[in-house]
């Protein structure tokens, strides 16, 4: 059996895969939103997701360690690793202490940051194509923008989780201030994105006023997105 689902939140994804296992369907593969399942005993497996050591790669030592814990690597796709283990072995948790969870979520956030940067580059390329007369570029522009918003949300969501974990370690003050600055940076990115779309839609307006307004809004959008990007880079350097 195959199912088409698109998840960006691994917690929700694992909750769904575990619910499918409870119904007697165990995931055996995943690629581009398509999940493959095979019949199993109801509740036979528990699923968890991890991040790969490198894109699409896990070391023999990682495989050996997972085998020793009774875990099975279902598939490796991009930066993600899907694991399962017999439910009879007990709760399936990969990271239990605060430090290891912080490291895990920081790796997740970095993955979404890289994806966000790549999507922003693609968005500007499609915007340029749209402004030079390629009408179909508008369709790709809106599609890419949707992914930009999703990745912004995921980076923000994981930052919230990390903020709570740092609080558990007693790192509040400066850490919370840094998180607030990152939130503001992502708000700048989203507002800049919205302004970009409005500017693009008004670009072909007949009235000189609206064309001038479009140029001004486009400039403001670039400024907001540049400020947001530099703020994120600055916060990351301070964290290091």
Protein backbone atom coordinates (compact mmCIF):
# COMPACT_ATOMS: atom_id res chain seq x y z
CA UNK A 1 0.00 0.00 0.00
CA UNK A 2 1.17 3.53 -0.78
CA UNK A 3 0.04 6.85 0.69
CA UNK A 4 0.86 10.40 -0.33
CA UNK A 5 1.57 12.78 2.58
CA UNK A 6 3.69 15.90 2.93
CA UNK A 7 5.13 16.49 6.40
CA UNK A 8 7.67 19.06 7.55
CA UNK A 9 7.19 18.46 11.29
CA UNK A 10 8.85 15.15 12.15
CA UNK A 11 6.85 14.85 15.40
CA UNK A 12 3.56 14.88 13.47
CA UNK A 13 5.03 12.54 10.86
CA UNK A 14 6.10 9.98 13.47
CA UNK A 15 2.73 10.24 15.22
CA UNK A 16 1.05 9.37 11.91
CA UNK A 17 3.42 6.48 11.14
CA UNK A 18 2.92 5.06 14.64
CA UNK A 19 -0.85 5.35 14.25
CA UNK A 20 -0.58 3.43 10.94
CA UNK A 21 1.45 0.74 12.75
CA UNK A 22 -1.30 0.53 15.36
CA UNK A 23 -3.70 -0.21 12.50
CA UNK A 24 -1.43 -2.98 11.17
CA UNK A 25 0.56 -1.11 8.50
CA UNK A 26 4.34 -0.69 8.83
CA UNK A 27 6.20 1.85 6.71
CA UNK A 28 8.89 0.28 4.51
CA UNK A 29 10.02 3.21 2.35
CA UNK A 30 9.63 6.93 1.73
CA UNK A 31 10.46 9.20 -1.21
CA UNK A 32 9.14 12.68 -2.12
CA UNK A 33 6.06 12.42 0.04
CA UNK A 34 5.16 8.86 -1.03
CA UNK A 35 5.09 6.31 1.82
CA UNK A 36 5.10 2.56 1.20
CA UNK A 37 3.51 0.21 3.75
CA UNK A 38 3.34 -3.53 4.33
CA UNK A 39 1.02 -5.46 6.65
CA UNK A 40 2.25 -6.11 10.21
CA UNK A 41 0.81 -7.09 13.56
CA UNK A 42 -1.15 -4.22 15.08
CA UNK A 43 1.21 -2.16 17.23
CA UNK A 44 4.19 -4.31 16.27
CA UNK A 45 6.55 -1.38 15.54
CA UNK A 46 7.42 2.05 16.86
CA UNK A 47 8.91 4.63 14.49
CA UNK A 48 11.37 7.47 15.03
CA UNK A 49 13.18 9.96 12.77
CA UNK A 50 16.81 11.03 13.01
CA UNK A 51 19.15 13.27 11.02
CA UNK A 52 21.81 11.76 8.78
CA UNK A 53 25.49 12.40 9.37
CA UNK A 54 25.75 13.77 5.85
CA UNK A 55 23.19 14.28 3.11
CA UNK A 56 21.92 10.83 2.17
CA UNK A 57 24.67 9.05 4.14
CA UNK A 58 24.99 7.21 7.43
CA UNK A 59 28.17 5.50 8.59
CA UNK A 60 28.61 1.75 9.24
CA UNK A 61 29.20 2.65 12.91
CA UNK A 62 25.75 4.29 13.07
CA UNK A 63 24.14 1.23 11.49
CA UNK A 64 25.93 -1.08 13.93
CA UNK A 65 24.89 1.03 16.92
CA UNK A 66 21.25 1.00 15.83
CA UNK A 67 21.33 -2.77 15.35
CA UNK A 68 22.72 -3.16 18.87
CA UNK A 69 19.73 -1.22 20.25
CA UNK A 70 17.31 -3.40 18.30
CA UNK A 71 16.49 -0.62 15.84
CA UNK A 72 16.10 -1.08 12.10
CA UNK A 73 16.93 1.57 9.50
CA UNK A 74 13.91 1.72 7.23
CA UNK A 75 15.28 4.24 4.74
CA UNK A 76 17.59 7.23 4.33
CA UNK A 77 16.20 10.12 2.31
CA UNK A 78 18.16 13.35 1.96
CA UNK A 79 19.10 14.55 5.46
CA UNK A 80 16.57 12.28 7.22
CA UNK A 81 16.78 8.75 8.58
CA UNK A 82 13.62 6.74 9.30
CA UNK A 83 13.96 4.07 12.02
CA UNK A 84 11.68 1.47 13.52
CA UNK A 85 11.90 -0.92 16.46
CA UNK A 86 9.76 -3.68 17.91
CA UNK A 87 7.28 -2.19 20.37
CA UNK A 88 7.88 -5.12 22.73
CA UNK A 89 11.33 -3.63 23.47
CA UNK A 90 9.74 -0.64 25.18
CA UNK A 91 9.59 3.08 24.52
CA UNK A 92 11.57 4.16 21.46
CA UNK A 93 13.41 7.44 22.18
CA UNK A 94 16.64 8.44 20.47
CA UNK A 95 17.53 11.48 22.60
CA UNK A 96 16.61 11.64 26.28
CA UNK A 97 18.99 14.13 27.95
CA UNK A 98 18.82 17.88 27.37
CA UNK A 99 22.24 18.27 25.70
CA UNK A 100 21.62 15.55 23.12
CA UNK A 101 18.16 16.95 22.36
CA UNK A 102 19.62 20.43 21.86
CA UNK A 103 22.19 19.03 19.43
CA UNK A 104 19.49 17.07 17.60
CA UNK A 105 17.15 20.05 17.18
CA UNK A 106 19.99 22.36 16.17
CA UNK A 107 20.81 19.93 13.36
CA UNK A 108 17.15 19.95 12.32
CA UNK A 109 17.03 23.74 12.36
CA UNK A 110 20.19 23.96 10.25
CA UNK A 111 18.60 21.66 7.65
CA UNK A 112 15.59 23.95 7.35
CA UNK A 113 17.83 27.03 7.25
CA UNK A 114 19.77 25.62 4.29
CA UNK A 115 16.49 24.72 2.57
CA UNK A 116 15.18 28.23 3.27
CA UNK A 117 18.23 29.89 1.73
CA UNK A 118 18.02 27.69 -1.38
CA UNK A 119 14.31 28.45 -1.79
CA UNK A 120 14.95 32.19 -1.42
CA UNK A 121 17.56 32.01 -4.19
CA UNK A 122 15.11 30.11 -6.40
CA UNK A 123 12.38 32.64 -5.58
CA UNK A 124 14.51 35.57 -6.71
CA UNK A 125 15.39 33.72 -9.94
CA UNK A 126 11.70 33.11 -10.65
CA UNK A 127 10.89 36.73 -9.76
CA UNK A 128 13.46 37.94 -12.29
CA UNK A 129 11.99 35.60 -14.91
CA UNK A 130 8.48 36.86 -14.17
CA UNK A 131 9.51 40.50 -14.47
CA UNK A 132 11.18 39.82 -17.83
CA UNK A 133 7.95 38.48 -19.31
CA UNK A 134 7.91 34.74 -18.53
CA UNK A 135 4.33 34.40 -17.33
CA UNK A 136 4.59 30.77 -16.18
CA UNK A 137 7.27 31.93 -13.75
CA UNK A 138 4.49 33.46 -11.62
CA UNK A 139 3.15 29.97 -10.91
CA UNK A 140 6.55 28.70 -9.76
CA UNK A 141 7.07 31.93 -7.82
CA UNK A 142 3.96 31.38 -5.72
CA UNK A 143 4.79 27.69 -5.23
CA UNK A 144 8.33 28.43 -4.05
CA UNK A 145 7.04 31.22 -1.81
CA UNK A 146 4.74 28.71 -0.10
CA UNK A 147 7.78 26.56 0.73
CA UNK A 148 9.65 29.64 1.97
CA UNK A 149 6.82 30.35 4.42
CA UNK A 150 6.73 26.71 5.54
CA UNK A 151 10.50 26.61 6.13
CA UNK A 152 10.35 29.94 8.00
CA UNK A 153 7.66 28.45 10.23
CA UNK A 154 9.72 25.31 10.88
CA UNK A 155 12.84 27.29 11.79
CA UNK A 156 10.73 29.42 14.13
CA UNK A 157 9.04 26.34 15.66
CA UNK A 158 12.34 24.56 16.31
CA UNK A 159 13.80 27.77 17.77
CA UNK A 160 10.93 27.77 20.26
CA UNK A 161 11.75 24.18 21.25
CA UNK A 162 15.43 25.05 21.63
CA UNK A 163 14.53 28.07 23.75
CA UNK A 164 12.66 25.79 26.18
CA UNK A 165 15.58 23.34 26.27
CA UNK A 166 18.07 26.11 26.99
CA UNK A 167 15.80 27.28 29.82
CA UNK A 168 15.98 23.78 31.28
CA UNK A 169 19.78 24.14 31.29
CA UNK A 170 19.47 27.46 33.08
CA UNK A 171 20.52 29.52 30.07
CA UNK A 172 17.84 32.19 30.01
CA UNK A 173 18.73 35.91 29.75
CA UNK A 174 21.04 36.19 26.75
CA UNK A 175 19.64 33.07 25.13
CA UNK A 176 16.07 34.35 25.23
CA UNK A 177 17.17 37.73 23.88
CA UNK A 178 18.86 35.94 20.99
CA UNK A 179 15.72 33.92 20.29
CA UNK A 180 13.61 37.11 20.28
CA UNK A 181 15.96 38.66 17.73
CA UNK A 182 15.65 35.58 15.55
CA UNK A 183 11.86 35.78 15.75
CA UNK A 184 12.04 39.40 14.61
CA UNK A 185 14.36 38.38 11.77
CA UNK A 186 11.87 35.80 10.48
CA UNK A 187 9.07 38.34 10.72
CA UNK A 188 11.15 40.65 8.50
CA UNK A 189 11.63 37.81 6.02
CA UNK A 190 7.91 37.03 5.85
CA UNK A 191 6.89 40.70 5.50
CA UNK A 192 9.53 41.14 2.81
CA UNK A 193 8.14 38.11 0.99
CA UNK A 194 4.59 39.48 1.08
CA UNK A 195 5.80 42.89 -0.17
CA UNK A 196 7.64 41.12 -3.00
CA UNK A 197 4.41 39.51 -4.20
CA UNK A 198 2.44 42.73 -4.03
CA UNK A 199 5.21 44.49 -5.92
CA UNK A 200 5.20 41.78 -8.59
CA UNK A 201 1.43 41.89 -9.04
CA UNK A 202 1.46 45.68 -9.46
CA UNK A 203 4.42 45.65 -11.84
CA UNK A 204 2.24 45.50 -14.97
CA UNK A 205 -0.27 48.11 -13.77
CA UNK A 206 -1.23 50.71 -16.37
CA UNK A 207 -1.16 53.73 -14.03
CA UNK A 208 2.22 55.36 -13.38
CA UNK A 209 1.32 55.75 -9.71
CA UNK A 210 0.93 52.00 -9.14
CA UNK A 211 4.10 51.21 -11.09
CA UNK A 212 6.00 53.68 -8.93
CA UNK A 213 4.39 52.19 -5.82
CA UNK A 214 5.46 48.74 -7.03
CA UNK A 215 9.09 49.85 -7.40
CA UNK A 216 9.10 51.40 -3.93
CA UNK A 217 7.57 48.32 -2.33
CA UNK A 218 10.04 46.08 -4.15
CA UNK A 219 12.91 48.11 -2.72
CA UNK A 220 11.42 47.91 0.77
CA UNK A 221 10.97 44.13 0.38
CA UNK A 222 14.64 43.69 -0.55
CA UNK A 223 15.68 45.78 2.45
CA UNK A 224 13.52 43.82 4.89
CA UNK A 225 14.74 40.46 3.62
CA UNK A 226 18.38 41.56 3.69
CA UNK A 227 18.02 42.85 7.25
CA UNK A 228 16.30 39.62 8.30
CA UNK A 229 19.03 37.50 6.67
CA UNK A 230 21.87 39.47 8.28
CA UNK A 231 20.14 39.29 11.69
CA UNK A 232 19.93 35.50 11.44
CA UNK A 233 23.60 35.22 10.44
CA UNK A 234 24.61 37.54 13.30
CA UNK A 235 22.62 35.51 15.85
CA UNK A 236 24.21 32.29 14.63
CA UNK A 237 27.72 33.73 14.95
CA UNK A 238 26.96 34.94 18.47
CA UNK A 239 25.69 31.47 19.41
CA UNK A 240 28.93 29.93 18.18
